[in-house]
């Protein structure tokens, strides 16, 4: 993945993908019936009840513009797993490319906040 984010054109494509992904999360949240019928039932072959269950389990999008808290939670996980497995700890911040930090949140804000 580092090759992709090192290449300016690929990094730009990833940024654009994130924008569309975030906007799709908002759309699904605002149109659960259409998502259930069009994707879960028609495309995936699930029952309507199964689709309703999945939408409910997914919850509402919560896309932060600041990843500091998420990185801190990830660091706690890294530290715990390192301790329990005898592996070396590492800085969880390397798992996050902060150039993309606000992209999804900005896209959600531009699309209007989810319910």
Protein backbone atom coordinates (compact mmCIF):
# COMPACT_ATOMS: atom_id res chain seq x y z
CA UNK A 1 0.00 0.00 0.00
CA UNK A 2 2.87 2.42 0.59
CA UNK A 3 3.68 2.27 -3.14
CA UNK A 4 0.17 3.49 -3.93
CA UNK A 5 0.28 6.46 -1.57
CA UNK A 6 3.81 7.36 -2.69
CA UNK A 7 2.69 7.77 -6.30
CA UNK A 8 0.96 11.17 -6.65
CA UNK A 9 -1.60 9.91 -9.19
CA UNK A 10 -2.47 6.85 -7.13
CA UNK A 11 -2.65 8.96 -3.96
CA UNK A 12 -5.07 11.31 -5.73
CA UNK A 13 -7.18 8.33 -6.83
CA UNK A 14 -7.27 7.04 -3.24
CA UNK A 15 -8.35 10.49 -2.03
CA UNK A 16 -11.16 10.50 -4.60
CA UNK A 17 -12.20 6.97 -3.61
CA UNK A 18 -12.42 8.05 0.03
CA UNK A 19 -14.67 10.97 -0.93
CA UNK A 20 -17.05 8.69 -2.82
CA UNK A 21 -16.98 6.05 -0.04
CA UNK A 22 -17.92 8.67 2.56
CA UNK A 23 -20.71 10.04 0.40
CA UNK A 24 -22.02 6.50 -0.13
CA UNK A 25 -22.12 5.96 3.64
CA UNK A 26 -24.30 9.05 3.97
CA UNK A 27 -26.55 7.89 1.11
CA UNK A 28 -27.04 4.44 2.64
CA UNK A 29 -27.84 6.03 6.00
CA UNK A 30 -30.46 8.27 4.40
CA UNK A 31 -31.89 5.58 2.07
CA UNK A 32 -31.81 2.30 3.99
CA UNK A 33 -34.85 0.81 2.21
CA UNK A 34 -33.37 1.41 -1.23
CA UNK A 35 -30.02 -0.02 -0.08
CA UNK A 36 -31.66 -3.10 1.39
CA UNK A 37 -33.83 -3.73 -1.68
CA UNK A 38 -31.25 -2.85 -4.32
CA UNK A 39 -28.12 -4.29 -2.79
CA UNK A 40 -28.81 -6.84 -0.08
CA UNK A 41 -31.93 -8.39 -1.64
CA UNK A 42 -31.54 -7.92 -5.41
CA UNK A 43 -27.73 -8.09 -5.72
CA UNK A 44 -26.69 -10.27 -2.77
CA UNK A 45 -29.74 -12.54 -2.61
CA UNK A 46 -30.48 -11.96 1.08
CA UNK A 47 -33.93 -11.66 2.58
CA UNK A 48 -35.33 -8.24 3.37
CA UNK A 49 -35.14 -9.12 7.08
CA UNK A 50 -31.45 -9.99 6.72
CA UNK A 51 -30.83 -6.68 4.97
CA UNK A 52 -32.64 -4.78 7.70
CA UNK A 53 -30.53 -6.56 10.31
CA UNK A 54 -27.29 -5.65 8.51
CA UNK A 55 -28.26 -2.01 8.10
CA UNK A 56 -29.18 -1.82 11.78
CA UNK A 57 -25.90 -3.47 12.81
CA UNK A 58 -23.90 -1.07 10.66
CA UNK A 59 -25.33 1.90 12.54
CA UNK A 60 -24.94 5.48 11.43
CA UNK A 61 -21.70 6.79 9.94
CA UNK A 62 -19.33 8.37 12.42
CA UNK A 63 -16.44 9.74 10.41
CA UNK A 64 -14.10 11.91 12.47
CA UNK A 65 -12.03 14.71 10.95
CA UNK A 66 -9.33 14.10 13.56
CA UNK A 67 -7.83 10.62 13.99
CA UNK A 68 -5.94 11.34 17.23
CA UNK A 69 -8.37 9.37 19.42
CA UNK A 70 -8.54 6.48 16.95
CA UNK A 71 -4.74 6.27 16.83
CA UNK A 72 -4.58 6.30 20.63
CA UNK A 73 -7.09 3.42 20.80
CA UNK A 74 -5.12 1.52 18.16
CA UNK A 75 -1.93 2.09 20.17
CA UNK A 76 -3.54 0.51 23.23
CA UNK A 77 -4.42 -2.52 21.10
CA UNK A 78 -0.88 -2.73 19.69
CA UNK A 79 0.59 -2.49 23.20
CA UNK A 80 -1.73 -5.15 24.60
CA UNK A 81 -1.13 -7.58 21.74
CA UNK A 82 2.63 -7.01 21.91
CA UNK A 83 2.61 -7.79 25.62
CA UNK A 84 0.41 -10.88 25.29
CA UNK A 85 2.21 -12.33 22.27
CA UNK A 86 5.77 -11.36 23.14
CA UNK A 87 6.10 -9.21 20.01
CA UNK A 88 7.76 -5.80 19.85
CA UNK A 89 5.60 -2.73 20.29
CA UNK A 90 5.47 -0.24 17.46
CA UNK A 91 4.01 3.19 16.90
CA UNK A 92 0.40 2.69 15.78
CA UNK A 93 0.60 6.03 13.99
CA UNK A 94 2.41 4.32 11.11
CA UNK A 95 -0.86 2.55 10.27
CA UNK A 96 -2.56 5.85 9.45
CA UNK A 97 -1.81 8.16 6.54
CA UNK A 98 -2.86 11.47 7.99
CA UNK A 99 -2.84 13.15 4.58
CA UNK A 100 -6.28 11.56 4.21
CA UNK A 101 -7.44 12.41 7.73
CA UNK A 102 -10.15 14.92 6.92
CA UNK A 103 -11.07 13.76 3.41
CA UNK A 104 -14.03 11.58 4.41
CA UNK A 105 -15.29 14.01 7.04
CA UNK A 106 -15.08 16.88 4.56
CA UNK A 107 -17.02 14.84 1.98
CA UNK A 108 -19.70 14.03 4.56
CA UNK A 109 -19.96 17.68 5.55
CA UNK A 110 -20.29 18.69 1.91
CA UNK A 111 -23.04 16.11 1.39
CA UNK A 112 -24.84 17.19 4.56
CA UNK A 113 -24.64 15.45 7.89
CA UNK A 114 -26.17 11.99 8.27
CA UNK A 115 -29.21 11.79 10.48
